[in-house]
C-alpha atoms as a PDB file:
ATOM      1  CA  MET A   1     -77.578 -35.602  37.856  1.00  0.00           C
ATOM      2  CA  SER A   2     -73.959 -34.453  38.877  1.00  0.00           C
ATOM      3  CA  ASN A   3     -74.011 -31.754  36.445  1.00  0.00           C
ATOM      4  CA  THR A   4     -77.112 -29.802  37.488  1.00  0.00           C
ATOM      5  CA  VAL A   5     -76.590 -26.370  38.651  1.00  0.00           C
ATOM      6  CA  GLY A   6     -78.969 -25.081  41.351  1.00  0.00           C
ATOM      7  CA  VAL A   7     -80.166 -21.295  40.538  1.00  0.00           C
ATOM      8  CA  ALA A   8     -81.275 -18.771  43.113  1.00  0.00           C
ATOM      9  CA  VAL A   9     -83.330 -15.945  41.921  1.00  0.00           C
ATOM     10  CA  TYR A  10     -83.170 -12.608  44.004  1.00  0.00           C
ATOM     11  CA  GLY A  11     -86.648 -10.640  43.064  1.00  0.00           C
ATOM     12  CA  LEU A  12     -89.741 -11.611  41.738  1.00  0.00           C
ATOM     13  CA  GLY A  13     -90.938  -8.646  40.221  1.00  0.00           C
ATOM     14  CA  THR A  14     -91.883  -7.979  36.497  1.00  0.00           C
ATOM     15  CA  VAL A  15     -88.465  -9.399  34.966  1.00  0.00           C
ATOM     16  CA  GLY A  16     -88.033 -11.988  37.813  1.00  0.00           C
ATOM     17  CA  SER A  17     -91.258 -13.560  37.218  1.00  0.00           C
ATOM     18  CA  ALA A  18     -90.654 -13.632  33.641  1.00  0.00           C
ATOM     19  CA  ALA A  19     -87.161 -15.250  34.010  1.00  0.00           C
ATOM     20  CA  VAL A  20     -88.539 -17.579  35.930  1.00  0.00           C
ATOM     21  CA  GLU A  21     -91.361 -18.287  33.706  1.00  0.00           C
ATOM     22  CA  ILE A  22     -88.983 -19.025  30.886  1.00  0.00           C
ATOM     23  CA  MET A  23     -86.479 -21.243  32.681  1.00  0.00           C
ATOM     24  CA  GLN A  24     -89.415 -23.582  33.628  1.00  0.00           C
ATOM     25  CA  ALA A  25     -90.857 -23.509  30.129  1.00  0.00           C
ATOM     26  CA  ALA A  26     -87.367 -24.031  28.466  1.00  0.00           C
ATOM     27  CA  GLY A  27     -87.221 -27.194  30.208  1.00  0.00           C
ATOM     28  CA  ASN A  28     -83.119 -27.214  30.618  1.00  0.00           C
ATOM     29  CA  GLY A  29     -82.104 -30.242  32.403  1.00  0.00           C
ATOM     30  CA  ARG A  30     -78.831 -28.969  33.961  1.00  0.00           C
ATOM     31  CA  LEU A  31     -80.578 -25.932  35.625  1.00  0.00           C
ATOM     32  CA  ARG A  32     -82.452 -26.648  38.738  1.00  0.00           C
ATOM     33  CA  LEU A  33     -84.474 -23.513  40.708  1.00  0.00           C
ATOM     34  CA  ARG A  34     -83.575 -23.973  44.542  1.00  0.00           C
ATOM     35  CA  HIS A  35     -84.127 -20.210  45.886  1.00  0.00           C
ATOM     36  CA  VAL A  36     -86.432 -17.322  44.982  1.00  0.00           C
ATOM     37  CA  VAL A  37     -85.720 -14.685  47.140  1.00  0.00           C
ATOM     38  CA  VAL A  38     -88.450 -12.102  47.804  1.00  0.00           C
ATOM     39  CA  ARG A  39     -89.440  -9.291  50.362  1.00  0.00           C
ATOM     40  CA  ASP A  40     -92.815 -10.582  51.077  1.00  0.00           C
ATOM     41  CA  LYS A  41     -93.381 -14.252  50.794  1.00  0.00           C
ATOM     42  CA  ALA A  42     -97.141 -13.794  51.756  1.00  0.00           C
ATOM     43  CA  ARG A  43     -97.637 -11.882  48.166  1.00  0.00           C
ATOM     44  CA  LYS A  44     -99.814 -13.785  45.809  1.00  0.00           C
ATOM     45  CA  ARG A  45     -97.645 -14.460  42.589  1.00  0.00           C
ATOM     46  CA  ALA A  46     -98.482 -14.551  38.999  1.00  0.00           C
ATOM     47  CA  ILE A  47     -96.430 -17.657  38.283  1.00  0.00           C
ATOM     48  CA  ASP A  48     -96.646 -21.152  39.605  1.00  0.00           C
ATOM     49  CA  PHE A  49     -93.815 -22.884  40.982  1.00  0.00           C
ATOM     50  CA  ASP A  50     -93.056 -24.858  44.442  1.00  0.00           C
ATOM     51  CA  PRO A  51     -93.642 -22.292  47.221  1.00  0.00           C
ATOM     52  CA  ALA A  52     -91.230 -23.720  49.494  1.00  0.00           C
ATOM     53  CA  LEU A  53     -88.498 -22.109  47.239  1.00  0.00           C
ATOM     54  CA  LEU A  54     -89.491 -18.805  48.852  1.00  0.00           C
ATOM     55  CA  THR A  55     -87.242 -17.027  51.058  1.00  0.00           C
ATOM     56  CA  ASP A  56     -86.838 -13.401  52.528  1.00  0.00           C
ATOM     57  CA  ASP A  57     -83.304 -14.414  53.911  1.00  0.00           C
ATOM     58  CA  TRP A  58     -81.075 -13.025  51.079  1.00  0.00           C
ATOM     59  CA  CYS A  59     -77.799 -15.036  52.918  1.00  0.00           C
ATOM     60  CA  GLN A  60     -79.604 -18.317  52.826  1.00  0.00           C
ATOM     61  CA  PRO A  61     -78.511 -19.311  49.241  1.00  0.00           C
ATOM     62  CA  LEU A  62     -75.283 -17.921  49.351  1.00  0.00           C
ATOM     63  CA  HIS A  63     -74.453 -20.363  52.030  1.00  0.00           C
ATOM     64  CA  ASP A  64     -76.298 -23.068  49.684  1.00  0.00           C
ATOM     65  CA  PRO A  65     -73.145 -25.389  48.540  1.00  0.00           C
ATOM     66  CA  LYS A  66     -75.586 -26.722  45.816  1.00  0.00           C
ATOM     67  CA  VAL A  67     -76.407 -23.306  44.276  1.00  0.00           C
ATOM     68  CA  GLY A  68     -73.846 -22.716  41.452  1.00  0.00           C
ATOM     69  CA  LEU A  69     -75.644 -19.519  39.731  1.00  0.00           C
ATOM     70  CA  VAL A  70     -77.072 -16.169  41.619  1.00  0.00           C
ATOM     71  CA  VAL A  71     -79.738 -14.123  39.284  1.00  0.00           C
ATOM     72  CA  GLU A  72     -79.939 -10.513  40.556  1.00  0.00           C
ATOM     73  CA  LEU A  73     -83.236  -8.983  39.614  1.00  0.00           C
ATOM     74  CA  MET A  74     -83.815  -7.060  42.764  1.00  0.00           C
ATOM     75  CA  GLY A  75     -82.761  -3.680  41.229  1.00  0.00           C
ATOM     76  CA  GLY A  76     -81.180  -0.693  42.531  1.00  0.00           C
ATOM     77  CA  VAL A  77     -77.546  -0.437  44.104  1.00  0.00           C
ATOM     78  CA  ASP A  78     -78.206  -1.973  47.640  1.00  0.00           C
ATOM     79  CA  PRO A  79     -78.616  -4.604  48.853  1.00  0.00           C
ATOM     80  CA  ALA A  80     -78.095  -6.012  45.501  1.00  0.00           C
ATOM     81  CA  SER A  81     -74.206  -4.890  45.558  1.00  0.00           C
ATOM     82  CA  ARG A  82     -74.013  -6.850  48.827  1.00  0.00           C
ATOM     83  CA  VAL A  83     -75.622  -9.875  47.035  1.00  0.00           C
ATOM     84  CA  VAL A  84     -73.566  -9.798  43.962  1.00  0.00           C
ATOM     85  CA  ARG A  85     -70.206  -9.600  45.813  1.00  0.00           C
ATOM     86  CA  ARG A  86     -71.089 -12.591  48.156  1.00  0.00           C
ATOM     87  CA  ALA A  87     -71.972 -14.554  45.119  1.00  0.00           C
ATOM     88  CA  LEU A  88     -68.952 -13.811  43.397  1.00  0.00           C
ATOM     89  CA  GLU A  89     -66.559 -14.260  46.667  1.00  0.00           C
ATOM     90  CA  SER A  90     -68.369 -17.479  47.066  1.00  0.00           C
ATOM     91  CA  GLY A  91     -67.487 -19.063  43.724  1.00  0.00           C
ATOM     92  CA  LYS A  92     -71.173 -18.674  42.231  1.00  0.00           C
ATOM     93  CA  HIS A  93     -71.577 -17.273  38.686  1.00  0.00           C
ATOM     94  CA  VAL A  94     -73.985 -14.141  38.586  1.00  0.00           C
ATOM     95  CA  VAL A  95     -76.284 -13.090  36.012  1.00  0.00           C
ATOM     96  CA  THR A  96     -78.133  -9.635  36.299  1.00  0.00           C
ATOM     97  CA  ALA A  97     -80.324  -7.218  34.720  1.00  0.00           C
ATOM     98  CA  ASN A  98     -79.279  -4.402  37.069  1.00  0.00           C
ATOM     99  CA  LYS A  99     -78.047  -1.351  34.982  1.00  0.00           C
ATOM    100  CA  ALA A 100     -77.664   0.837  37.769  1.00  0.00           C
ATOM    101  CA  LEU A 101     -75.366  -1.722  39.597  1.00  0.00           C
ATOM    102  CA  ILE A 102     -73.193  -2.698  36.886  1.00  0.00           C
ATOM    103  CA  ALA A 103     -72.722   0.934  35.926  1.00  0.00           C
ATOM    104  CA  THR A 104     -71.792   1.839  39.132  1.00  0.00           C
ATOM    105  CA  HIS A 105     -69.590  -0.801  40.264  1.00  0.00           C
ATOM    106  CA  GLY A 106     -68.785  -2.783  36.939  1.00  0.00           C
ATOM    107  CA  ALA A 107     -65.324  -2.396  37.097  1.00  0.00           C
ATOM    108  CA  SER A 108     -64.890  -3.794  40.635  1.00  0.00           C
ATOM    109  CA  LEU A 109     -67.549  -6.360  40.228  1.00  0.00           C
ATOM    110  CA  GLU A 110     -65.933  -7.502  36.893  1.00  0.00           C
ATOM    111  CA  ALA A 111     -62.569  -8.117  38.860  1.00  0.00           C
ATOM    112  CA  LEU A 112     -64.249  -9.959  41.770  1.00  0.00           C
ATOM    113  CA  ALA A 113     -65.235 -12.469  39.045  1.00  0.00           C
ATOM    114  CA  ASP A 114     -62.073 -13.005  37.501  1.00  0.00           C
ATOM    115  CA  ALA A 115     -60.109 -13.433  40.672  1.00  0.00           C
ATOM    116  CA  TYR A 116     -62.552 -16.232  41.387  1.00  0.00           C
ATOM    117  CA  GLY A 117     -63.005 -17.737  38.054  1.00  0.00           C
ATOM    118  CA  VAL A 118     -66.344 -17.249  37.776  1.00  0.00           C
ATOM    119  CA  ALA A 119     -68.813 -15.516  34.968  1.00  0.00           C
ATOM    120  CA  LEU A 120     -70.477 -12.124  35.741  1.00  0.00           C
ATOM    121  CA  ARG A 121     -72.977 -11.712  32.843  1.00  0.00           C
ATOM    122  CA  TYR A 122     -75.532  -8.474  32.164  1.00  0.00           C
ATOM    123  CA  GLU A 123     -76.816  -8.685  28.724  1.00  0.00           C
ATOM    124  CA  ALA A 124     -80.218  -7.725  30.136  1.00  0.00           C
ATOM    125  CA  ALA A 125     -78.760  -4.296  31.530  1.00  0.00           C
ATOM    126  CA  VAL A 126     -79.097  -2.861  27.974  1.00  0.00           C
ATOM    127  CA  GLY A 127     -81.602  -3.239  25.566  1.00  0.00           C
ATOM    128  CA  GLY A 128     -83.925  -5.792  26.505  1.00  0.00           C
ATOM    129  CA  ALA A 129     -83.669  -8.908  24.357  1.00  0.00           C
ATOM    130  CA  ILE A 130     -81.223  -6.829  21.617  1.00  0.00           C
ATOM    131  CA  PRO A 131     -77.785  -8.625  21.982  1.00  0.00           C
ATOM    132  CA  LEU A 132     -75.860  -5.503  22.157  1.00  0.00           C
ATOM    133  CA  ILE A 133     -73.235  -6.639  24.628  1.00  0.00           C
ATOM    134  CA  HIS A 134     -72.811 -10.034  23.226  1.00  0.00           C
ATOM    135  CA  THR A 135     -72.118  -8.276  19.758  1.00  0.00           C
ATOM    136  CA  LEU A 136     -69.758  -5.775  21.100  1.00  0.00           C
ATOM    137  CA  ARG A 137     -67.677  -8.488  22.965  1.00  0.00           C
ATOM    138  CA  GLY A 138     -68.106 -11.306  20.255  1.00  0.00           C
ATOM    139  CA  THR A 139     -69.017 -10.711  16.887  1.00  0.00           C
ATOM    140  CA  LEU A 140     -67.262  -7.206  16.766  1.00  0.00           C
ATOM    141  CA  LYS A 141     -64.316  -7.933  18.815  1.00  0.00           C
ATOM    142  CA  GLY A 142     -61.905  -7.455  16.099  1.00  0.00           C
ATOM    143  CA  ASN A 143     -63.216  -3.916  15.237  1.00  0.00           C
ATOM    144  CA  ARG A 144     -62.267  -0.602  16.410  1.00  0.00           C
ATOM    145  CA  ILE A 145     -65.485   0.689  17.496  1.00  0.00           C
ATOM    146  CA  THR A 146     -65.762   4.671  16.883  1.00  0.00           C
ATOM    147  CA  ARG A 147     -69.238   5.570  17.637  1.00  0.00           C
ATOM    148  CA  ILE A 148     -72.442   4.235  19.152  1.00  0.00           C
ATOM    149  CA  ARG A 149     -75.695   6.114  18.839  1.00  0.00           C
ATOM    150  CA  GLY A 150     -78.921   4.914  19.988  1.00  0.00           C
ATOM    151  CA  ILE A 151     -82.507   5.215  21.688  1.00  0.00           C
ATOM    152  CA  LEU A 152     -81.559   3.394  25.080  1.00  0.00           C
ATOM    153  CA  ASN A 153     -84.970   3.984  27.116  1.00  0.00           C
ATOM    154  CA  GLY A 154     -88.294   2.945  26.209  1.00  0.00           C
ATOM    155  CA  THR A 155     -90.038   5.020  28.696  1.00  0.00           C
ATOM    156  CA  THR A 156     -89.055   8.250  27.058  1.00  0.00           C
ATOM    157  CA  ASN A 157     -89.538   6.571  23.766  1.00  0.00           C
ATOM    158  CA  PHE A 158     -92.817   6.054  24.331  1.00  0.00           C
ATOM    159  CA  ILE A 159     -93.710   9.508  25.940  1.00  0.00           C
ATOM    160  CA  LEU A 160     -92.330  11.529  23.204  1.00  0.00           C
ATOM    161  CA  THR A 161     -93.772   9.413  20.430  1.00  0.00           C
ATOM    162  CA  ARG A 162     -97.195   9.916  22.130  1.00  0.00           C
ATOM    163  CA  MET A 163     -96.402  13.599  22.247  1.00  0.00           C
ATOM    164  CA  SER A 164     -95.280  13.834  18.572  1.00  0.00           C
ATOM    165  CA  THR A 165     -98.083  11.359  17.031  1.00  0.00           C
ATOM    166  CA  ASP A 166    -100.933  11.731  19.203  1.00  0.00           C
ATOM    167  CA  GLY A 167    -101.001  15.247  20.632  1.00  0.00           C
ATOM    168  CA  MET A 168    -100.790  14.311  23.991  1.00  0.00           C
ATOM    169  CA  SER A 169     -99.494  16.222  26.769  1.00  0.00           C
ATOM    170  CA  PHE A 170     -96.470  15.332  28.751  1.00  0.00           C
ATOM    171  CA  ASP A 171     -98.343  14.165  31.737  1.00  0.00           C
ATOM    172  CA  GLU A 172    -100.994  12.438  29.612  1.00  0.00           C
ATOM    173  CA  ALA A 173     -98.280  10.512  27.917  1.00  0.00           C
ATOM    174  CA  LEU A 174     -96.434   9.628  31.022  1.00  0.00           C
ATOM    175  CA  ARG A 175     -99.810   8.109  32.701  1.00  0.00           C
ATOM    176  CA  GLU A 176    -100.081   6.452  29.516  1.00  0.00           C
ATOM    177  CA  ALA A 177     -97.008   4.754  29.198  1.00  0.00           C
ATOM    178  CA  GLN A 178     -97.078   3.762  33.536  1.00  0.00           C
ATOM    179  CA  ARG A 179    -100.675   2.246  32.734  1.00  0.00           C
ATOM    180  CA  ARG A 180     -99.039  -0.005  29.846  1.00  0.00           C
ATOM    181  CA  GLY A 181     -96.007  -0.969  32.129  1.00  0.00           C
ATOM    182  CA  PHE A 182     -93.396   1.212  30.303  1.00  0.00           C
ATOM    183  CA  ALA A 183     -92.658   3.634  33.051  1.00  0.00           C
ATOM    184  CA  GLU A 184     -92.211   2.942  36.705  1.00  0.00           C
ATOM    185  CA  ALA A 185     -94.379   4.506  39.481  1.00  0.00           C
ATOM    186  CA  ASP A 186     -91.258   6.707  40.172  1.00  0.00           C
ATOM    187  CA  PRO A 187     -90.013   7.928  36.570  1.00  0.00           C
ATOM    188  CA  SER A 188     -87.271  10.315  37.671  1.00  0.00           C
ATOM    189  CA  ALA A 189     -84.124   8.029  36.200  1.00  0.00           C
ATOM    190  CA  ASP A 190     -85.641   7.628  32.872  1.00  0.00           C
ATOM    191  CA  ILE A 191     -87.104  11.239  32.287  1.00  0.00           C
ATOM    192  CA  SER A 192     -83.907  12.444  33.593  1.00  0.00           C
ATOM    193  CA  GLY A 193     -81.859  10.506  31.270  1.00  0.00           C
ATOM    194  CA  LEU A 194     -79.950   8.735  33.883  1.00  0.00           C
ATOM    195  CA  ASP A 195     -81.277   5.167  32.798  1.00  0.00           C
ATOM    196  CA  ALA A 196     -79.694   5.914  29.284  1.00  0.00           C
ATOM    197  CA  ALA A 197     -76.730   7.318  30.675  1.00  0.00           C
ATOM    198  CA  GLN A 198     -75.973   4.152  32.365  1.00  0.00           C
ATOM    199  CA  LYS A 199     -76.915   1.922  29.768  1.00  0.00           C
ATOM    200  CA  LEU A 200     -74.394   3.973  27.535  1.00  0.00           C
ATOM    201  CA  VAL A 201     -71.774   3.554  30.354  1.00  0.00           C
ATOM    202  CA  ILE A 202     -72.082  -0.380  30.076  1.00  0.00           C
ATOM    203  CA  LEU A 203     -71.879  -0.264  26.291  1.00  0.00           C
ATOM    204  CA  ALA A 204     -68.949   1.880  26.047  1.00  0.00           C
ATOM    205  CA  ARG A 205     -67.112  -0.062  28.372  1.00  0.00           C
ATOM    206  CA  HIS A 206     -67.406  -3.044  25.618  1.00  0.00           C
ATOM    207  CA  ALA A 207     -67.052  -1.002  22.757  1.00  0.00           C
ATOM    208  CA  PHE A 208     -63.748   1.084  24.160  1.00  0.00           C
ATOM    209  CA  GLY A 209     -62.262  -1.204  26.501  1.00  0.00           C
ATOM    210  CA  TYR A 210     -62.680   1.161  29.874  1.00  0.00           C
ATOM    211  CA  TRP A 211     -64.979   2.347  32.190  1.00  0.00           C
ATOM    212  CA  VAL A 212     -66.739   5.385  32.486  1.00  0.00           C
ATOM    213  CA  PRO A 213     -68.184   7.339  35.672  1.00  0.00           C
ATOM    214  CA  VAL A 214     -71.611   7.742  34.888  1.00  0.00           C
ATOM    215  CA  GLU A 215     -71.152  11.216  36.284  1.00  0.00           C
ATOM    216  CA  CYS A 216     -68.835  12.097  33.499  1.00  0.00           C
ATOM    217  CA  VAL A 217     -71.502  11.702  30.911  1.00  0.00           C
ATOM    218  CA  GLU A 218     -73.278  14.704  29.881  1.00  0.00           C
ATOM    219  CA  ARG A 219     -76.937  14.329  30.221  1.00  0.00           C
ATOM    220  CA  THR A 220     -80.215  16.315  29.721  1.00  0.00           C
ATOM    221  CA  GLY A 221     -83.307  14.569  30.568  1.00  0.00           C
ATOM    222  CA  ILE A 222     -87.135  15.501  28.488  1.00  0.00           C
ATOM    223  CA  GLU A 223     -88.494  17.312  31.313  1.00  0.00           C
ATOM    224  CA  ASP A 224     -88.908  20.476  29.215  1.00  0.00           C
ATOM    225  CA  VAL A 225     -89.313  19.060  25.659  1.00  0.00           C
ATOM    226  CA  ARG A 226     -93.041  19.921  24.198  1.00  0.00           C
ATOM    227  CA  PRO A 227     -92.617  19.002  20.915  1.00  0.00           C
ATOM    228  CA  GLU A 228     -95.287  20.429  18.162  1.00  0.00           C
ATOM    229  CA  GLN A 229     -97.282  17.395  16.652  1.00  0.00           C
ATOM    230  CA  GLY A 230     -95.239  16.043  13.902  1.00  0.00           C
ATOM    231  CA  GLU A 231     -92.361  17.148  15.210  1.00  0.00           C
ATOM    232  CA  VAL A 232     -89.919  14.135  16.146  1.00  0.00           C
ATOM    233  CA  PHE A 233     -87.670  14.173  19.254  1.00  0.00           C
ATOM    234  CA  LYS A 234     -85.820  11.395  20.693  1.00  0.00           C
ATOM    235  CA  LEU A 235     -83.539  11.161  23.947  1.00  0.00           C
ATOM    236  CA  ILE A 236     -80.599  10.008  21.921  1.00  0.00           C
ATOM    237  CA  ALA A 237     -77.512   8.779  23.649  1.00  0.00           C
ATOM    238  CA  GLU A 238     -74.088   8.868  21.946  1.00  0.00           C
ATOM    239  CA  ALA A 239     -70.653   7.947  22.759  1.00  0.00           C
ATOM    240  CA  VAL A 240     -67.981   8.818  20.022  1.00  0.00           C
ATOM    241  CA  LEU A 241     -64.451   8.084  20.046  1.00  0.00           C
ATOM    242  CA  THR A 242     -62.382  11.183  18.380  1.00  0.00           C
ATOM    243  CA  ASP A 243     -58.487  11.186  18.381  1.00  0.00           C
ATOM    244  CA  GLY A 244     -58.111   8.883  21.217  1.00  0.00           C
ATOM    245  CA  SER A 245     -60.862  11.144  23.495  1.00  0.00           C
ATOM    246  CA  LEU A 246     -64.261   9.809  24.317  1.00  0.00           C
ATOM    247  CA  ARG A 247     -67.174  11.823  24.641  1.00  0.00           C
ATOM    248  CA  LEU A 248     -70.171  10.356  26.211  1.00  0.00           C
ATOM    249  CA  ARG A 249     -73.581  12.420  26.300  1.00  0.00           C
ATOM    250  CA  VAL A 250     -77.231  11.734  26.588  1.00  0.00           C
ATOM    251  CA  GLY A 251     -80.119  14.634  25.491  1.00  0.00           C
ATOM    252  CA  PRO A 252     -83.167  15.037  23.227  1.00  0.00           C
ATOM    253  CA  GLN A 253     -82.654  15.494  19.981  1.00  0.00           C
ATOM    254  CA  ARG A 254     -84.826  16.955  17.163  1.00  0.00           C
ATOM    255  CA  LEU A 255     -84.637  14.397  14.094  1.00  0.00           C
ATOM    256  CA  ALA A 256     -85.117  15.092  10.604  1.00  0.00           C
ATOM    257  CA  SER A 257     -87.426  12.321   8.832  1.00  0.00           C
ATOM    258  CA  THR A 258     -84.375  11.084   7.128  1.00  0.00           C
ATOM    259  CA  ASP A 259     -82.707   9.863  10.304  1.00  0.00           C
ATOM    260  CA  PRO A 260     -83.535   6.170  10.884  1.00  0.00           C
ATOM    261  CA  MET A 261     -83.743   6.625  14.721  1.00  0.00           C
ATOM    262  CA  ALA A 262     -86.679   9.179  13.590  1.00  0.00           C
ATOM    263  CA  HIS A 263     -88.644   6.110  12.942  1.00  0.00           C
ATOM    264  CA  VAL A 264     -88.063   4.089  16.138  1.00  0.00           C
ATOM    265  CA  ASN A 265     -91.385   4.586  17.883  1.00  0.00           C
ATOM    266  CA  ASP A 266     -92.935   3.670  21.694  1.00  0.00           C
ATOM    267  CA  GLU A 267     -91.114   1.497  23.674  1.00  0.00           C
ATOM    268  CA  ASN A 268     -88.655   0.173  21.258  1.00  0.00           C
ATOM    269  CA  ASN A 269     -84.912   0.861  21.140  1.00  0.00           C
ATOM    270  CA  ALA A 270     -82.399   1.081  18.432  1.00  0.00           C
ATOM    271  CA  VAL A 271     -78.529   1.264  18.593  1.00  0.00           C
ATOM    272  CA  LEU A 272     -76.018   2.306  15.784  1.00  0.00           C
ATOM    273  CA  ILE A 273     -72.580   0.752  16.345  1.00  0.00           C
ATOM    274  CA  GLU A 274     -69.805   1.672  13.776  1.00  0.00           C
ATOM    275  CA  GLY A 275     -66.675  -0.413  13.752  1.00  0.00           C
ATOM    276  CA  ASP A 276     -63.838   0.152  11.313  1.00  0.00           C
ATOM    277  CA  PHE A 277     -64.268  -3.089   9.439  1.00  0.00           C
ATOM    278  CA  ALA A 278     -67.734  -3.977   9.930  1.00  0.00           C
ATOM    279  CA  GLY A 279     -68.853  -0.781   9.060  1.00  0.00           C
ATOM    280  CA  SER A 280     -72.493   1.148  10.243  1.00  0.00           C
ATOM    281  CA  LEU A 281     -74.522  -1.690  12.051  1.00  0.00           C
ATOM    282  CA  THR A 282     -78.304  -0.706  13.583  1.00  0.00           C
ATOM    283  CA  PHE A 283     -80.003  -2.754  16.214  1.00  0.00           C
ATOM    284  CA  ILE A 284     -83.926  -2.403  16.430  1.00  0.00           C
ATOM    285  CA  GLY A 285     -86.104  -4.592  19.016  1.00  0.00           C
ATOM    286  CA  ARG A 286     -87.979  -4.255  21.959  1.00  0.00           C
ATOM    287  CA  GLY A 287     -85.777  -2.458  24.621  1.00  0.00           C
ATOM    288  CA  ALA A 288     -88.023  -3.210  27.501  1.00  0.00           C
ATOM    289  CA  GLY A 289     -90.824  -5.349  29.038  1.00  0.00           C
ATOM    290  CA  ALA A 290     -90.904  -8.819  31.174  1.00  0.00           C
ATOM    291  CA  LEU A 291     -90.725 -11.186  28.588  1.00  0.00           C
ATOM    292  CA  PRO A 292     -87.833  -9.479  26.366  1.00  0.00           C
ATOM    293  CA  THR A 293     -85.847  -8.976  29.440  1.00  0.00           C
ATOM    294  CA  GLY A 294     -86.577 -12.120  30.924  1.00  0.00           C
ATOM    295  CA  SER A 295     -85.219 -13.729  27.540  1.00  0.00           C
ATOM    296  CA  ALA A 296     -81.898 -12.063  27.741  1.00  0.00           C
ATOM    297  CA  VAL A 297     -81.492 -13.057  31.366  1.00  0.00           C
ATOM    298  CA  TYR A 298     -82.243 -16.680  30.729  1.00  0.00           C
ATOM    299  CA  ASP A 299     -79.535 -16.499  27.424  1.00  0.00           C
ATOM    300  CA  ASP A 300     -76.886 -15.310  30.249  1.00  0.00           C
ATOM    301  CA  ILE A 301     -77.939 -18.100  32.395  1.00  0.00           C
ATOM    302  CA  VAL A 302     -77.140 -20.544  29.691  1.00  0.00           C
ATOM    303  CA  ALA A 303     -73.966 -19.198  28.753  1.00  0.00           C
ATOM    304  CA  ALA A 304     -72.816 -18.842  32.187  1.00  0.00           C
ATOM    305  CA  ILE A 305     -72.842 -22.435  32.730  1.00  0.00           C
ATOM    306  CA  CYS A 306     -71.715 -23.679  29.908  1.00  0.00           C
END
């Protein structure tokens, strides 16, 4: 097919595997998987696809003229930054779920995408399958956004929920989150609030029109939070625009039972967006996990080639 778009996927971990699985199940005739870049080609994979597509050479897909779209799902800033920049400079669309990369280099990557006339999409970087970025730059585009408030990290929300409802210790709740796949082996970015801060920076860019350095987000983690059973604590991320001044902060808050966020439990995320015309809108859903995030990645892939 002359209008077939070759796709290269970088990273075949939890999200990468889900994205490939969804791409295959969807059966979109315009998409053809051409390369899957991994660190270890010999490692056994949980999904079934042509092993000839595997490569450990991250440069190879970027030199393939039949690749029109790169899906970066490696995580971290390097070498992801080099891959994404080279892809954009090669005239290839890019889809990523990498919040650390976008929060750190979003401004320069957007400028690069504009310069080369290609798409850079990263809906999956915030909120899993919840269409937050799509809403901010689409449905609510005519609104003046004044506030964003929400639970943006499923790991800390799971931990705090288990501590409050089950009386677990912090360490017990963390181990349970890791056992269920809601927490990484190294959960420091989640626990410290850095993950939520990165996501808040990305939402703020689309709500208020400019990038705020992650270092400028006021941030407190949940390391010292020890709720009594029945007390409700949540790690709340908030961006507020007041008299032209924008303040971003992330930190644990003790919530009253009347607060809607108090009833968002376990790995779920929730985000409230306030606009001058639309009023107050709240989005709730699974903010993490392979299939929700993979679903958002696939939606971005389809949007990028349309």
